[in-house]
PDB file of all heavy atoms in Angstrom:
ATOM      1  N   GLY A   1     -45.350  19.321 -70.729  1.00  0.00           N
ATOM      2  CA  GLY A   1     -45.355  19.886 -72.059  1.00  0.00           C
ATOM      3  C   GLY A   1     -46.232  19.127 -73.031  1.00  0.00           C
ATOM      4  O   GLY A   1     -46.937  18.186 -72.663  1.00  0.00           O
ATOM      5  N   SER A   2     -46.164  19.535 -74.308  1.00  0.00           N
ATOM      6  CA  SER A   2     -47.018  18.962 -75.347  1.00  0.00           C
ATOM      7  C   SER A   2     -46.213  18.613 -76.586  1.00  0.00           C
ATOM      8  O   SER A   2     -45.164  19.210 -76.862  1.00  0.00           O
ATOM      9  CB  SER A   2     -48.127  19.946 -75.738  1.00  0.00           C
ATOM     10  OG  SER A   2     -48.957  20.260 -74.640  1.00  0.00           O
ATOM     11  N   LEU A   3     -46.713  17.652 -77.342  1.00  0.00           N
ATOM     12  CA  LEU A   3     -46.169  17.279 -78.633  1.00  0.00           C
ATOM     13  C   LEU A   3     -47.313  16.910 -79.564  1.00  0.00           C
ATOM     14  O   LEU A   3     -48.364  16.443 -79.107  1.00  0.00           O
ATOM     15  CB  LEU A   3     -45.226  16.079 -78.532  1.00  0.00           C
ATOM     16  CG  LEU A   3     -43.807  16.285 -78.023  1.00  0.00           C
ATOM     17  CD1 LEU A   3     -43.116  14.929 -77.878  1.00  0.00           C
ATOM     18  CD2 LEU A   3     -43.015  17.187 -78.962  1.00  0.00           C
ATOM     19  N   ARG A   4     -47.099  17.099 -80.865  1.00  0.00           N
ATOM     20  CA  ARG A   4     -48.035  16.612 -81.865  1.00  0.00           C
ATOM     21  C   ARG A   4     -47.306  15.673 -82.809  1.00  0.00           C
ATOM     22  O   ARG A   4     -46.345  16.067 -83.472  1.00  0.00           O
ATOM     23  CB  ARG A   4     -48.668  17.747 -82.669  1.00  0.00           C
ATOM     24  CG  ARG A   4     -49.760  17.227 -83.616  1.00  0.00           C
ATOM     25  CD  ARG A   4     -50.464  18.322 -84.384  1.00  0.00           C
ATOM     26  NE  ARG A   4     -49.675  18.803 -85.507  1.00  0.00           N
ATOM     27  CZ  ARG A   4     -50.172  19.488 -86.532  1.00  0.00           C
ATOM     28  NH1 ARG A   4     -51.474  19.776 -86.567  1.00  0.00           N
ATOM     29  NH2 ARG A   4     -49.378  19.899 -87.502  1.00  0.00           N
ATOM     30  N   LEU A   5     -47.764  14.438 -82.865  1.00  0.00           N
ATOM     31  CA  LEU A   5     -47.224  13.455 -83.773  1.00  0.00           C
ATOM     32  C   LEU A   5     -48.045  13.431 -85.059  1.00  0.00           C
ATOM     33  O   LEU A   5     -49.257  13.637 -85.028  1.00  0.00           O
ATOM     34  CB  LEU A   5     -47.242  12.058 -83.149  1.00  0.00           C
ATOM     35  CG  LEU A   5     -46.563  11.906 -81.788  1.00  0.00           C
ATOM     36  CD1 LEU A   5     -46.608  10.450 -81.346  1.00  0.00           C
ATOM     37  CD2 LEU A   5     -45.137  12.419 -81.825  1.00  0.00           C
ATOM     38  N   SER A   6     -47.388  13.164 -86.182  1.00  0.00           N
ATOM     39  CA  SER A   6     -48.054  13.059 -87.467  1.00  0.00           C
ATOM     40  C   SER A   6     -47.693  11.739 -88.123  1.00  0.00           C
ATOM     41  O   SER A   6     -46.617  11.183 -87.884  1.00  0.00           O
ATOM     42  CB  SER A   6     -47.652  14.208 -88.398  1.00  0.00           C
ATOM     43  OG  SER A   6     -47.999  15.460 -87.844  1.00  0.00           O
ATOM     44  N   CYS A   7     -48.579  11.251 -88.972  1.00  0.00           N
ATOM     45  CA  CYS A   7     -48.357   9.997 -89.680  1.00  0.00           C
ATOM     46  C   CYS A   7     -49.001  10.095 -91.054  1.00  0.00           C
ATOM     47  O   CYS A   7     -50.205  10.341 -91.156  1.00  0.00           O
ATOM     48  CB  CYS A   7     -48.949   8.830 -88.895  1.00  0.00           C
ATOM     49  SG  CYS A   7     -48.946   7.249 -89.783  1.00  0.00           S
ATOM     50  N   VAL A   8     -48.207   9.881 -92.094  1.00  0.00           N
ATOM     51  CA  VAL A   8     -48.691   9.909 -93.467  1.00  0.00           C
ATOM     52  C   VAL A   8     -48.667   8.495 -94.028  1.00  0.00           C
ATOM     53  O   VAL A   8     -47.646   7.808 -93.947  1.00  0.00           O
ATOM     54  CB  VAL A   8     -47.846  10.843 -94.345  1.00  0.00           C
ATOM     55  CG1 VAL A   8     -48.350  10.810 -95.789  1.00  0.00           C
ATOM     56  CG2 VAL A   8     -47.881  12.259 -93.799  1.00  0.00           C
ATOM     57  N   VAL A   9     -49.777   8.082 -94.599  1.00  0.00           N
ATOM     58  CA  VAL A   9     -49.902   6.758 -95.207  1.00  0.00           C
ATOM     59  C   VAL A   9     -50.158   6.922 -96.696  1.00  0.00           C
ATOM     60  O   VAL A   9     -51.034   7.686 -97.103  1.00  0.00           O
ATOM     61  CB  VAL A   9     -51.029   5.942 -94.562  1.00  0.00           C
ATOM     62  CG1 VAL A   9     -51.133   4.567 -95.226  1.00  0.00           C
ATOM     63  CG2 VAL A   9     -50.798   5.798 -93.070  1.00  0.00           C
ATOM     64  N   SER A  10     -49.405   6.194 -97.512  1.00  0.00           N
ATOM     65  CA  SER A  10     -49.564   6.269 -98.952  1.00  0.00           C
ATOM     66  C   SER A  10     -49.313   4.906 -99.574  1.00  0.00           C
ATOM     67  O   SER A  10     -48.803   3.996 -98.926  1.00  0.00           O
ATOM     68  CB  SER A  10     -48.609   7.301 -99.556  1.00  0.00           C
ATOM     69  OG  SER A  10     -47.261   6.923 -99.332  1.00  0.00           O
ATOM     70  N   GLY A  11     -49.681   4.765-100.846  1.00  0.00           N
ATOM     71  CA  GLY A  11     -49.347   3.565-101.588  1.00  0.00           C
ATOM     72  C   GLY A  11     -50.502   2.685-102.011  1.00  0.00           C
ATOM     73  O   GLY A  11     -50.288   1.724-102.750  1.00  0.00           O
ATOM     74  N   LEU A  12     -51.719   2.977-101.553  1.00  0.00           N
ATOM     75  CA  LEU A  12     -52.890   2.236-101.979  1.00  0.00           C
ATOM     76  C   LEU A  12     -53.833   3.166-102.729  1.00  0.00           C
ATOM     77  O   LEU A  12     -53.880   4.357-102.445  1.00  0.00           O
ATOM     78  CB  LEU A  12     -53.622   1.593-100.806  1.00  0.00           C
ATOM     79  CG  LEU A  12     -52.942   0.410-100.112  1.00  0.00           C
ATOM     80  CD1 LEU A  12     -53.820  -0.108 -98.976  1.00  0.00           C
ATOM     81  CD2 LEU A  12     -52.646  -0.707-101.095  1.00  0.00           C
ATOM     82  N   PRO A  13     -54.612   2.610-103.676  1.00  0.00           N
ATOM     83  CA  PRO A  13     -55.523   3.462-104.459  1.00  0.00           C
ATOM     84  C   PRO A  13     -56.780   3.875-103.708  1.00  0.00           C
ATOM     85  O   PRO A  13     -57.612   4.584-104.279  1.00  0.00           O
ATOM     86  CB  PRO A  13     -55.852   2.576-105.669  1.00  0.00           C
ATOM     87  CG  PRO A  13     -55.739   1.183-105.149  1.00  0.00           C
ATOM     88  CD  PRO A  13     -54.600   1.228-104.164  1.00  0.00           C
ATOM     89  N   TYR A  14     -56.939   3.448-102.482  1.00  0.00           N
ATOM     90  CA  TYR A  14     -58.096   3.827-101.683  1.00  0.00           C
ATOM     91  C   TYR A  14     -57.648   4.102-100.260  1.00  0.00           C
ATOM     92  O   TYR A  14     -56.561   3.712 -99.853  1.00  0.00           O
ATOM     93  CB  TYR A  14     -59.181   2.749-101.713  1.00  0.00           C
ATOM     94  CG  TYR A  14     -58.689   1.363-101.365  1.00  0.00           C
ATOM     95  CD1 TYR A  14     -58.703   0.906-100.056  1.00  0.00           C
ATOM     96  CD2 TYR A  14     -58.215   0.507-102.354  1.00  0.00           C
ATOM     97  CE1 TYR A  14     -58.254  -0.354 -99.734  1.00  0.00           C
ATOM     98  CE2 TYR A  14     -57.759  -0.757-102.042  1.00  0.00           C
ATOM     99  CZ  TYR A  14     -57.790  -1.183-100.725  1.00  0.00           C
ATOM    100  OH  TYR A  14     -57.342  -2.448-100.408  1.00  0.00           O
ATOM    101  N   GLY A  15     -58.511   4.760 -99.485  1.00  0.00           N
ATOM    102  CA  GLY A  15     -58.143   5.170 -98.149  1.00  0.00           C
ATOM    103  C   GLY A  15     -58.257   4.060 -97.120  1.00  0.00           C
ATOM    104  O   GLY A  15     -58.862   3.022 -97.357  1.00  0.00           O
ATOM    105  N   SER A  16     -57.668   4.298 -95.967  1.00  0.00           N
ATOM    106  CA  SER A  16     -57.734   3.336 -94.873  1.00  0.00           C
ATOM    107  C   SER A  16     -59.133   3.281 -94.274  1.00  0.00           C
ATOM    108  O   SER A  16     -59.877   4.263 -94.317  1.00  0.00           O
ATOM    109  CB  SER A  16     -56.729   3.702 -93.787  1.00  0.00           C
ATOM    110  OG  SER A  16     -57.046   4.970 -93.230  1.00  0.00           O
ATOM    111  N   TYR A  17     -59.469   2.130 -93.717  1.00  0.00           N
ATOM    112  CA  TYR A  17     -60.711   2.010 -92.974  1.00  0.00           C
ATOM    113  C   TYR A  17     -60.539   2.606 -91.574  1.00  0.00           C
ATOM    114  O   TYR A  17     -61.458   3.229 -91.040  1.00  0.00           O
ATOM    115  CB  TYR A  17     -61.124   0.544 -92.866  1.00  0.00           C
ATOM    116  CG  TYR A  17     -62.484   0.339 -92.247  1.00  0.00           C
ATOM    117  CD1 TYR A  17     -63.619   0.292 -93.046  1.00  0.00           C
ATOM    118  CD2 TYR A  17     -62.631   0.195 -90.873  1.00  0.00           C
ATOM    119  CE1 TYR A  17     -64.865   0.105 -92.498  1.00  0.00           C
ATOM    120  CE2 TYR A  17     -63.882   0.009 -90.311  1.00  0.00           C
ATOM    121  CZ  TYR A  17     -64.998  -0.038 -91.130  1.00  0.00           C
ATOM    122  OH  TYR A  17     -66.240  -0.222 -90.579  1.00  0.00           O
ATOM    123  N   CYS A  18     -59.348   2.414 -91.001  1.00  0.00           N
ATOM    124  CA  CYS A  18     -59.058   2.960 -89.691  1.00  0.00           C
ATOM    125  C   CYS A  18     -57.563   3.210 -89.570  1.00  0.00           C
ATOM    126  O   CYS A  18     -56.764   2.622 -90.289  1.00  0.00           O
ATOM    127  CB  CYS A  18     -59.516   2.011 -88.580  1.00  0.00           C
ATOM    128  SG  CYS A  18     -58.746   0.370 -88.625  1.00  0.00           S
ATOM    129  N   MET A  19     -57.209   4.088 -88.637  1.00  0.00           N
ATOM    130  CA  MET A  19     -55.817   4.329 -88.298  1.00  0.00           C
ATOM    131  C   MET A  19     -55.701   4.421 -86.784  1.00  0.00           C
ATOM    132  O   MET A  19     -56.676   4.741 -86.100  1.00  0.00           O
ATOM    133  CB  MET A  19     -55.289   5.603 -88.960  1.00  0.00           C
ATOM    134  CG  MET A  19     -55.273   5.534 -90.480  1.00  0.00           C
ATOM    135  SD  MET A  19     -54.583   7.013 -91.264  1.00  0.00           S
ATOM    136  CE  MET A  19     -52.843   6.847 -90.817  1.00  0.00           C
ATOM    137  N   ALA A  20     -54.506   4.154 -86.273  1.00  0.00           N
ATOM    138  CA  ALA A  20     -54.347   4.075 -84.825  1.00  0.00           C
ATOM    139  C   ALA A  20     -52.927   4.417 -84.406  1.00  0.00           C
ATOM    140  O   ALA A  20     -51.984   4.349 -85.198  1.00  0.00           O
ATOM    141  CB  ALA A  20     -54.710   2.675 -84.326  1.00  0.00           C
ATOM    142  N   TRP A  21     -52.794   4.774 -83.134  1.00  0.00           N
ATOM    143  CA  TRP A  21     -51.503   4.953 -82.483  1.00  0.00           C
ATOM    144  C   TRP A  21     -51.338   3.909 -81.394  1.00  0.00           C
ATOM    145  O   TRP A  21     -52.264   3.660 -80.613  1.00  0.00           O
ATOM    146  CB  TRP A  21     -51.377   6.341 -81.851  1.00  0.00           C
ATOM    147  CG  TRP A  21     -51.282   7.462 -82.836  1.00  0.00           C
ATOM    148  CD1 TRP A  21     -52.288   8.282 -83.249  1.00  0.00           C
ATOM    149  CD2 TRP A  21     -50.103   7.892 -83.526  1.00  0.00           C
ATOM    150  NE1 TRP A  21     -51.818   9.198 -84.152  1.00  0.00           N
ATOM    151  CE2 TRP A  21     -50.467   8.981 -84.343  1.00  0.00           C
ATOM    152  CE3 TRP A  21     -48.772   7.471 -83.530  1.00  0.00           C
ATOM    153  CZ2 TRP A  21     -49.555   9.646 -85.156  1.00  0.00           C
ATOM    154  CZ3 TRP A  21     -47.871   8.133 -84.341  1.00  0.00           C
ATOM    155  CH2 TRP A  21     -48.268   9.203 -85.136  1.00  0.00           C
ATOM    156  N   PHE A  22     -50.156   3.315 -81.346  1.00  0.00           N
ATOM    157  CA  PHE A  22     -49.748   2.415 -80.287  1.00  0.00           C
ATOM    158  C   PHE A  22     -48.442   2.938 -79.701  1.00  0.00           C
ATOM    159  O   PHE A  22     -47.763   3.761 -80.309  1.00  0.00           O
ATOM    160  CB  PHE A  22     -49.550   0.993 -80.818  1.00  0.00           C
ATOM    161  CG  PHE A  22     -50.801   0.347 -81.348  1.00  0.00           C
ATOM    162  CD1 PHE A  22     -51.251   0.624 -82.630  1.00  0.00           C
ATOM    163  CD2 PHE A  22     -51.525  -0.542 -80.568  1.00  0.00           C
ATOM    164  CE1 PHE A  22     -52.400   0.031 -83.133  1.00  0.00           C
ATOM    165  CE2 PHE A  22     -52.676  -1.146 -81.049  1.00  0.00           C
ATOM    166  CZ  PHE A  22     -53.111  -0.853 -82.335  1.00  0.00           C
ATOM    167  N   ARG A  23     -48.078   2.441 -78.523  1.00  0.00           N
ATOM    168  CA  ARG A  23     -46.790   2.815 -77.956  1.00  0.00           C
ATOM    169  C   ARG A  23     -46.182   1.635 -77.215  1.00  0.00           C
ATOM    170  O   ARG A  23     -46.880   0.734 -76.775  1.00  0.00           O
ATOM    171  CB  ARG A  23     -46.907   4.026 -77.029  1.00  0.00           C
ATOM    172  CG  ARG A  23     -47.649   3.781 -75.722  1.00  0.00           C
ATOM    173  CD  ARG A  23     -47.770   5.089 -74.942  1.00  0.00           C
ATOM    174  NE  ARG A  23     -48.326   4.880 -73.615  1.00  0.00           N
ATOM    175  CZ  ARG A  23     -48.575   5.857 -72.752  1.00  0.00           C
ATOM    176  NH1 ARG A  23     -48.317   7.127 -73.083  1.00  0.00           N
ATOM    177  NH2 ARG A  23     -49.076   5.574 -71.560  1.00  0.00           N
ATOM    178  N   GLN A  24     -44.849   1.676 -77.078  1.00  0.00           N
ATOM    179  CA  GLN A  24     -44.146   0.573 -76.449  1.00  0.00           C
ATOM    180  C   GLN A  24     -42.851   1.059 -75.820  1.00  0.00           C
ATOM    181  O   GLN A  24     -42.147   1.888 -76.386  1.00  0.00           O
ATOM    182  CB  GLN A  24     -43.836  -0.515 -77.482  1.00  0.00           C
ATOM    183  CG  GLN A  24     -43.269  -1.799 -76.895  1.00  0.00           C
ATOM    184  CD  GLN A  24     -43.193  -2.907 -77.924  1.00  0.00           C
ATOM    185  OE1 GLN A  24     -43.105  -2.645 -79.129  1.00  0.00           O
ATOM    186  NE2 GLN A  24     -43.214  -4.144 -77.467  1.00  0.00           N
ATOM    187  N   VAL A  25     -42.549   0.540 -74.637  1.00  0.00           N
ATOM    188  CA  VAL A  25     -41.268   0.769 -73.988  1.00  0.00           C
ATOM    189  C   VAL A  25     -40.528  -0.555 -73.925  1.00  0.00           C
ATOM    190  O   VAL A  25     -41.144  -1.624 -73.931  1.00  0.00           O
ATOM    191  CB  VAL A  25     -41.433   1.369 -72.576  1.00  0.00           C
ATOM    192  CG1 VAL A  25     -42.156   2.704 -72.653  1.00  0.00           C
ATOM    193  CG2 VAL A  25     -42.197   0.418 -71.665  1.00  0.00           C
ATOM    194  N   PRO A  26     -39.187  -0.533 -73.862  1.00  0.00           N
ATOM    195  CA  PRO A  26     -38.438  -1.786 -73.819  1.00  0.00           C
ATOM    196  C   PRO A  26     -38.869  -2.675 -72.663  1.00  0.00           C
ATOM    197  O   PRO A  26     -39.033  -2.209 -71.530  1.00  0.00           O
ATOM    198  CB  PRO A  26     -36.992  -1.315 -73.648  1.00  0.00           C
ATOM    199  CG  PRO A  26     -36.973   0.040 -74.270  1.00  0.00           C
ATOM    200  CD  PRO A  26     -38.306   0.633 -73.926  1.00  0.00           C
ATOM    201  N   GLY A  27     -39.074  -3.954 -72.958  1.00  0.00           N
ATOM    202  CA  GLY A  27     -39.461  -4.907 -71.936  1.00  0.00           C
ATOM    203  C   GLY A  27     -40.931  -4.924 -71.597  1.00  0.00           C
ATOM    204  O   GLY A  27     -41.350  -5.707 -70.739  1.00  0.00           O
ATOM    205  N   LYS A  28     -41.723  -4.075 -72.245  1.00  0.00           N
ATOM    206  CA  LYS A  28     -43.150  -4.008 -71.981  1.00  0.00           C
ATOM    207  C   LYS A  28     -43.942  -4.375 -73.232  1.00  0.00           C
ATOM    208  O   LYS A  28     -43.445  -4.298 -74.350  1.00  0.00           O
ATOM    209  CB  LYS A  28     -43.558  -2.612 -71.522  1.00  0.00           C
ATOM    210  CG  LYS A  28     -42.844  -2.123 -70.273  1.00  0.00           C
ATOM    211  CD  LYS A  28     -43.270  -2.907 -69.048  1.00  0.00           C
ATOM    212  CE  LYS A  28     -42.640  -2.328 -67.790  1.00  0.00           C
ATOM    213  NZ  LYS A  28     -43.043  -3.084 -66.574  1.00  0.00           N
ATOM    214  N   GLU A  29     -45.187  -4.769 -73.028  1.00  0.00           N
ATOM    215  CA  GLU A  29     -46.072  -5.060 -74.142  1.00  0.00           C
ATOM    216  C   GLU A  29     -46.464  -3.774 -74.861  1.00  0.00           C
ATOM    217  O   GLU A  29     -46.640  -2.726 -74.239  1.00  0.00           O
ATOM    218  CB  GLU A  29     -47.332  -5.769 -73.649  1.00  0.00           C
ATOM    219  CG  GLU A  29     -47.099  -7.149 -73.070  1.00  0.00           C
ATOM    220  CD  GLU A  29     -46.790  -8.173 -74.134  1.00  0.00           C
ATOM    221  OE1 GLU A  29     -47.311  -8.033 -75.265  1.00  0.00           O
ATOM    222  OE2 GLU A  29     -46.027  -9.106 -73.850  1.00  0.00           O
ATOM    223  N   ARG A  30     -46.596  -3.853 -76.178  1.00  0.00           N
ATOM    224  CA  ARG A  30     -47.126  -2.736 -76.928  1.00  0.00           C
ATOM    225  C   ARG A  30     -48.582  -2.516 -76.539  1.00  0.00           C
ATOM    226  O   ARG A  30     -49.342  -3.476 -76.379  1.00  0.00           O
ATOM    227  CB  ARG A  30     -47.013  -2.998 -78.430  1.00  0.00           C
ATOM    228  CG  ARG A  30     -47.361  -1.801 -79.295  1.00  0.00           C
ATOM    229  CD  ARG A  30     -47.046  -2.046 -80.766  1.00  0.00           C
ATOM    230  NE  ARG A  30     -45.613  -2.277 -80.973  1.00  0.00           N
ATOM    231  CZ  ARG A  30     -45.051  -2.396 -82.165  1.00  0.00           C
ATOM    232  NH1 ARG A  30     -45.796  -2.304 -83.269  1.00  0.00           N
ATOM    233  NH2 ARG A  30     -43.757  -2.614 -82.266  1.00  0.00           N
ATOM    234  N   GLU A  31     -48.971  -1.253 -76.378  1.00  0.00           N
ATOM    235  CA  GLU A  31     -50.316  -0.944 -75.936  1.00  0.00           C
ATOM    236  C   GLU A  31     -50.987   0.049 -76.874  1.00  0.00           C
ATOM    237  O   GLU A  31     -50.344   0.899 -77.480  1.00  0.00           O
ATOM    238  CB  GLU A  31     -50.312  -0.385 -74.509  1.00  0.00           C
ATOM    239  CG  GLU A  31     -49.555   0.920 -74.355  1.00  0.00           C
ATOM    240  CD  GLU A  31     -49.550   1.432 -72.931  1.00  0.00           C
ATOM    241  OE1 GLU A  31     -50.065   0.737 -72.032  1.00  0.00           O
ATOM    242  OE2 GLU A  31     -49.031   2.545 -72.700  1.00  0.00           O
ATOM    243  N   GLY A  32     -52.298  -0.073 -76.977  1.00  0.00           N
ATOM    244  CA  GLY A  32     -53.066   0.842 -77.788  1.00  0.00           C
ATOM    245  C   GLY A  32     -53.214   2.191 -77.115  1.00  0.00           C
ATOM    246  O   GLY A  32     -53.431   2.274 -75.906  1.00  0.00           O
ATOM    247  N   VAL A  33     -53.098   3.252 -77.895  1.00  0.00           N
ATOM    248  CA  VAL A  33     -53.261   4.617 -77.411  1.00  0.00           C
ATOM    249  C   VAL A  33     -54.614   5.176 -77.845  1.00  0.00           C
ATOM    250  O   VAL A  33     -55.410   5.629 -77.025  1.00  0.00           O
ATOM    251  CB  VAL A  33     -52.122   5.520 -77.904  1.00  0.00           C
ATOM    252  CG1 VAL A  33     -52.384   6.979 -77.544  1.00  0.00           C
ATOM    253  CG2 VAL A  33     -50.792   5.051 -77.329  1.00  0.00           C
ATOM    254  N   ALA A  34     -54.871   5.157 -79.151  1.00  0.00           N
ATOM    255  CA  ALA A  34     -56.116   5.695 -79.689  1.00  0.00           C
ATOM    256  C   ALA A  34     -56.296   5.217 -81.114  1.00  0.00           C
ATOM    257  O   ALA A  34     -55.320   4.883 -81.789  1.00  0.00           O
ATOM    258  CB  ALA A  34     -56.122   7.226 -79.649  1.00  0.00           C
ATOM    259  N   LEU A  35     -57.534   5.207 -81.590  1.00  0.00           N
ATOM    260  CA  LEU A  35     -57.807   4.889 -82.979  1.00  0.00           C
ATOM    261  C   LEU A  35     -58.950   5.740 -83.491  1.00  0.00           C
ATOM    262  O   LEU A  35     -59.734   6.295 -82.711  1.00  0.00           O
ATOM    263  CB  LEU A  35     -58.106   3.390 -83.167  1.00  0.00           C
ATOM    264  CG  LEU A  35     -59.388   2.793 -82.582  1.00  0.00           C
ATOM    265  CD1 LEU A  35     -60.580   2.991 -83.517  1.00  0.00           C
ATOM    266  CD2 LEU A  35     -59.201   1.298 -82.315  1.00  0.00           C
ATOM    267  N   ILE A  36     -59.032   5.838 -84.816  1.00  0.00           N
ATOM    268  CA  ILE A  36     -60.087   6.626 -85.447  1.00  0.00           C
ATOM    269  C   ILE A  36     -60.547   5.909 -86.706  1.00  0.00           C
ATOM    270  O   ILE A  36     -59.743   5.373 -87.467  1.00  0.00           O
ATOM    271  CB  ILE A  36     -59.602   8.064 -85.755  1.00  0.00           C
ATOM    272  CG1 ILE A  36     -60.740   8.927 -86.285  1.00  0.00           C
ATOM    273  CG2 ILE A  36     -58.415   8.050 -86.708  1.00  0.00           C
ATOM    274  CD1 ILE A  36     -60.402  10.413 -86.323  1.00  0.00           C
ATOM    275  N   LEU A  37     -61.851   5.902 -86.924  1.00  0.00           N
ATOM    276  CA  LEU A  37     -62.438   5.334 -88.128  1.00  0.00           C
ATOM    277  C   LEU A  37     -62.541   6.406 -89.204  1.00  0.00           C
ATOM    278  O   LEU A  37     -62.870   7.558 -88.919  1.00  0.00           O
ATOM    279  CB  LEU A  37     -63.823   4.765 -87.847  1.00  0.00           C
ATOM    280  CG  LEU A  37     -63.931   3.732 -86.724  1.00  0.00           C
ATOM    281  CD1 LEU A  37     -65.357   3.204 -86.632  1.00  0.00           C
ATOM    282  CD2 LEU A  37     -62.951   2.591 -86.939  1.00  0.00           C
ATOM    283  N   THR A  38     -62.270   6.031 -90.449  1.00  0.00           N
ATOM    284  CA  THR A  38     -62.319   6.980 -91.546  1.00  0.00           C
ATOM    285  C   THR A  38     -63.738   7.479 -91.791  1.00  0.00           C
ATOM    286  O   THR A  38     -63.973   8.677 -91.929  1.00  0.00           O
ATOM    287  CB  THR A  38     -61.740   6.363 -92.822  1.00  0.00           C
ATOM    288  OG1 THR A  38     -60.371   6.024 -92.599  1.00  0.00           O
ATOM    289  CG2 THR A  38     -61.841   7.332 -93.992  1.00  0.00           C
ATOM    290  N   VAL A  39     -64.690   6.556 -91.858  1.00  0.00           N
ATOM    291  CA  VAL A  39     -66.083   6.917 -92.071  1.00  0.00           C
ATOM    292  C   VAL A  39     -66.717   7.261 -90.732  1.00  0.00           C
ATOM    293  O   VAL A  39     -66.781   6.426 -89.830  1.00  0.00           O
ATOM    294  CB  VAL A  39     -66.855   5.781 -92.762  1.00  0.00           C
ATOM    295  CG1 VAL A  39     -68.327   6.160 -92.897  1.00  0.00           C
ATOM    296  CG2 VAL A  39     -66.244   5.478 -94.122  1.00  0.00           C
TER     297      VAL A  39
END
């Protein structure tokens, strides 16, 4: 199957330089999934 995750960032007067998704399971290291640059 499929899922779409969303993430809203607020609180600064300017935008992020980059945003990313990570994931982690118990007992395992957190790992990078994907990232995107704003510009």
